[in-house]
Structures are given as C-alpha cells and as structure tokens.
C-alpha atoms as a PDB file:
ATOM      1  CA  MET A   1      15.655  22.374   5.468  1.00  0.00           C
ATOM      2  CA  GLY A   2      13.195  24.230   3.228  1.00  0.00           C
ATOM      3  CA  ALA A   3      11.519  27.458   4.265  1.00  0.00           C
ATOM      4  CA  ASP A   4       8.082  25.808   4.219  1.00  0.00           C
ATOM      5  CA  GLN A   5       9.061  22.909   6.459  1.00  0.00           C
ATOM      6  CA  ALA A   6       8.194  23.004  10.148  1.00  0.00           C
ATOM      7  CA  VAL A   7      11.022  22.436  12.589  1.00  0.00           C
ATOM      8  CA  GLY A   8      10.840  19.062  14.320  1.00  0.00           C
ATOM      9  CA  SER A   9       7.979  17.621  12.270  1.00  0.00           C
ATOM     10  CA  GLY A  10       8.095  15.093   9.464  1.00  0.00           C
ATOM     11  CA  GLN A  11       5.830  17.031   7.095  1.00  0.00           C
ATOM     12  CA  PRO A  12       5.688  20.575   5.713  1.00  0.00           C
ATOM     13  CA  GLU A  13       3.607  23.311   7.308  1.00  0.00           C
ATOM     14  CA  GLY A  14      -0.010  23.304   6.174  1.00  0.00           C
ATOM     15  CA  ALA A  15      -0.033  19.604   5.253  1.00  0.00           C
ATOM     16  CA  VAL A  16      -2.999  17.467   6.257  1.00  0.00           C
ATOM     17  CA  THR A  17      -3.070  13.711   6.666  1.00  0.00           C
ATOM     18  CA  GLY A  18      -5.169  11.485   4.435  1.00  0.00           C
ATOM     19  CA  THR A  19      -5.639   7.956   3.123  1.00  0.00           C
ATOM     20  CA  VAL A  20      -5.282   6.923  -0.523  1.00  0.00           C
ATOM     21  CA  LEU A  21      -8.640   5.607  -1.756  1.00  0.00           C
ATOM     22  CA  GLU A  22      -7.976   4.853  -5.419  1.00  0.00           C
ATOM     23  CA  LEU A  23      -5.371   5.294  -8.125  1.00  0.00           C
ATOM     24  CA  LEU A  24      -6.426   7.466 -11.072  1.00  0.00           C
ATOM     25  CA  GLU A  25      -4.882   8.031 -14.490  1.00  0.00           C
ATOM     26  CA  ASN A  26      -1.835  10.283 -15.055  1.00  0.00           C
ATOM     27  CA  LEU A  27      -0.306   9.416 -11.644  1.00  0.00           C
ATOM     28  CA  LYS A  28      -3.130  11.077  -9.724  1.00  0.00           C
ATOM     29  CA  VAL A  29      -4.826   9.583  -6.685  1.00  0.00           C
ATOM     30  CA  ARG A  30      -8.055  10.160  -4.791  1.00  0.00           C
ATOM     31  CA  VAL A  31      -7.354  10.866  -1.117  1.00  0.00           C
ATOM     32  CA  GLU A  32      -9.756  11.015   1.822  1.00  0.00           C
ATOM     33  CA  LEU A  33      -8.572  13.565   4.378  1.00  0.00           C
ATOM     34  CA  GLU A  34      -8.924  13.337   8.155  1.00  0.00           C
ATOM     35  CA  ASN A  35     -12.036  15.540   8.016  1.00  0.00           C
ATOM     36  CA  ARG A  36     -13.703  13.024   5.610  1.00  0.00           C
ATOM     37  CA  ARG A  37     -13.285  15.383   2.612  1.00  0.00           C
ATOM     38  CA  ARG A  38     -12.092  13.822  -0.645  1.00  0.00           C
ATOM     39  CA  VAL A  39      -9.532  15.470  -2.925  1.00  0.00           C
ATOM     40  CA  VAL A  40      -7.631  14.555  -6.097  1.00  0.00           C
ATOM     41  CA  ALA A  41      -3.876  14.794  -5.548  1.00  0.00           C
ATOM     42  CA  HIS A  42      -0.663  14.276  -7.483  1.00  0.00           C
ATOM     43  CA  CYS A  43       2.828  13.496  -6.216  1.00  0.00           C
ATOM     44  CA  GLY A  44       5.157  16.385  -5.472  1.00  0.00           C
ATOM     45  CA  ALA A  45       8.163  17.383  -7.602  1.00  0.00           C
ATOM     46  CA  SER A  46      10.599  15.102  -5.775  1.00  0.00           C
ATOM     47  CA  SER A  47       8.694  12.016  -6.947  1.00  0.00           C
ATOM     48  CA  GLY A  48      10.378  12.388 -10.338  1.00  0.00           C
ATOM     49  CA  LEU A  49      13.719  11.890  -8.627  1.00  0.00           C
ATOM     50  CA  ASN A  50      12.612   9.198  -6.180  1.00  0.00           C
ATOM     51  CA  PHE A  51       9.673   7.227  -7.539  1.00  0.00           C
ATOM     52  CA  VAL A  52       7.309   6.203  -4.754  1.00  0.00           C
ATOM     53  CA  ARG A  53       4.566   3.686  -5.475  1.00  0.00           C
ATOM     54  CA  LEU A  54       1.322   4.514  -3.713  1.00  0.00           C
ATOM     55  CA  ARG A  55      -1.360   1.926  -2.998  1.00  0.00           C
ATOM     56  CA  PRO A  56      -4.915   2.241  -1.717  1.00  0.00           C
ATOM     57  CA  GLY A  57      -4.799   2.410   2.074  1.00  0.00           C
ATOM     58  CA  ASP A  58      -1.465   4.280   2.281  1.00  0.00           C
ATOM     59  CA  GLN A  59      -1.318   7.217   4.698  1.00  0.00           C
ATOM     60  CA  VAL A  60      -0.039  10.403   3.009  1.00  0.00           C
ATOM     61  CA  ALA A  61       0.559  14.078   3.830  1.00  0.00           C
ATOM     62  CA  VAL A  62      -1.212  16.421   1.386  1.00  0.00           C
ATOM     63  CA  VAL A  63      -0.829  20.172   0.863  1.00  0.00           C
ATOM     64  CA  LEU A  64      -4.080  21.602  -0.533  1.00  0.00           C
ATOM     65  CA  SER A  65      -4.099  24.126  -3.369  1.00  0.00           C
ATOM     66  CA  PRO A  66      -5.066  27.636  -2.250  1.00  0.00           C
ATOM     67  CA  GLN A  67      -6.943  28.215  -5.534  1.00  0.00           C
ATOM     68  CA  ASP A  68      -8.900  24.928  -5.592  1.00  0.00           C
ATOM     69  CA  PRO A  69      -9.449  23.109  -2.268  1.00  0.00           C
ATOM     70  CA  THR A  70     -10.474  19.914  -4.106  1.00  0.00           C
ATOM     71  CA  ARG A  71      -6.916  19.531  -5.476  1.00  0.00           C
ATOM     72  CA  GLY A  72      -3.709  18.805  -3.640  1.00  0.00           C
ATOM     73  CA  ARG A  73      -0.078  17.732  -3.810  1.00  0.00           C
ATOM     74  CA  ILE A  74       1.240  14.696  -1.945  1.00  0.00           C
ATOM     75  CA  VAL A  75       4.398  15.729  -0.125  1.00  0.00           C
ATOM     76  CA  ALA A  76       5.095  12.578   1.915  1.00  0.00           C
ATOM     77  CA  ARG A  77       4.019   8.994   2.427  1.00  0.00           C
ATOM     78  CA  LEU A  78       3.713   8.446   6.145  1.00  0.00           C
ATOM     79  CA  ASP A  79       5.225   5.346   7.703  1.00  0.00           C
ATOM     80  CA  GLY A  80       2.707   2.593   8.119  1.00  0.00           C
ATOM     81  CA  GLN A  81       3.415  -1.090   8.255  1.00  0.00           C
ATOM     82  CA  ALA A  82       6.344  -2.781   6.531  1.00  0.00           C
ATOM     83  CA  ARG A  83       6.175  -2.986   2.745  1.00  0.00           C
ATOM     84  CA  GLY A  84       7.519  -5.308   0.053  1.00  0.00           C
ATOM     85  CA  ARG A  85      10.062  -7.948   1.039  1.00  0.00           C
ATOM     86  CA  ASP A  86       9.804  -7.116   4.738  1.00  0.00           C
ATOM     87  CA  ARG A  87       6.030  -7.666   4.914  1.00  0.00           C
ATOM     88  CA  GLY A  88       5.545 -10.968   6.720  1.00  0.00           C
ATOM     89  CA  VAL A  89       8.162 -12.928   4.781  1.00  0.00           C
ATOM     90  CA  LEU A  90      10.331 -15.243   6.812  1.00  0.00           C
ATOM     91  CA  ASP A  91      13.973 -15.884   5.990  1.00  0.00           C
ATOM     92  CA  ARG A  92      14.776 -19.417   4.882  1.00  0.00           C
END
C-alpha cells in the first residue's frame, strides 16, 4: 500500500468525490465536486497501464493540485452501476 493511501478506505488521502460532466481533449475531463466546484482533471499515472474509459455521469475520486485548485488528478473511478455487457443484458 502506498504511503499516501489511507488504511481501510478505497481512495487516497486528500481525495474528494466528484461527477464527470464532460470529456475534453487530450484525455482531460471536467468534474463537478461534491461542493459544486468544477475542476479540469486528468487520469493518474496508472491509467497508462490500465486504460479506464470515463463517461459523463461517472463518480470519480480526485486529488486537487496544491498549486492550482482548479486542476486535479483522477485517482479512482468509484463503483456505480454495472457497465458494458453486464448492464441490463439478459443471457439467451
């Protein structure tokens, strides 16, 4: 477990929860945080290893930049409803 990760929680320390509003160019997204503030965020370093597709409406954990509070890094996509094949498709 990394030094910045809280014990027993699913997201790193200092992360805030938000909702993806829109997809921007260069793999950036606009996120609305719980406190109704909007930030521009990019996926964290692990996304290069494990590509995660984000869609508007997805719940994400964002760590805000200490230098610029309008920028952030997405560190996790929080579990919502089922996605892809499992979303409402019945077996035949």
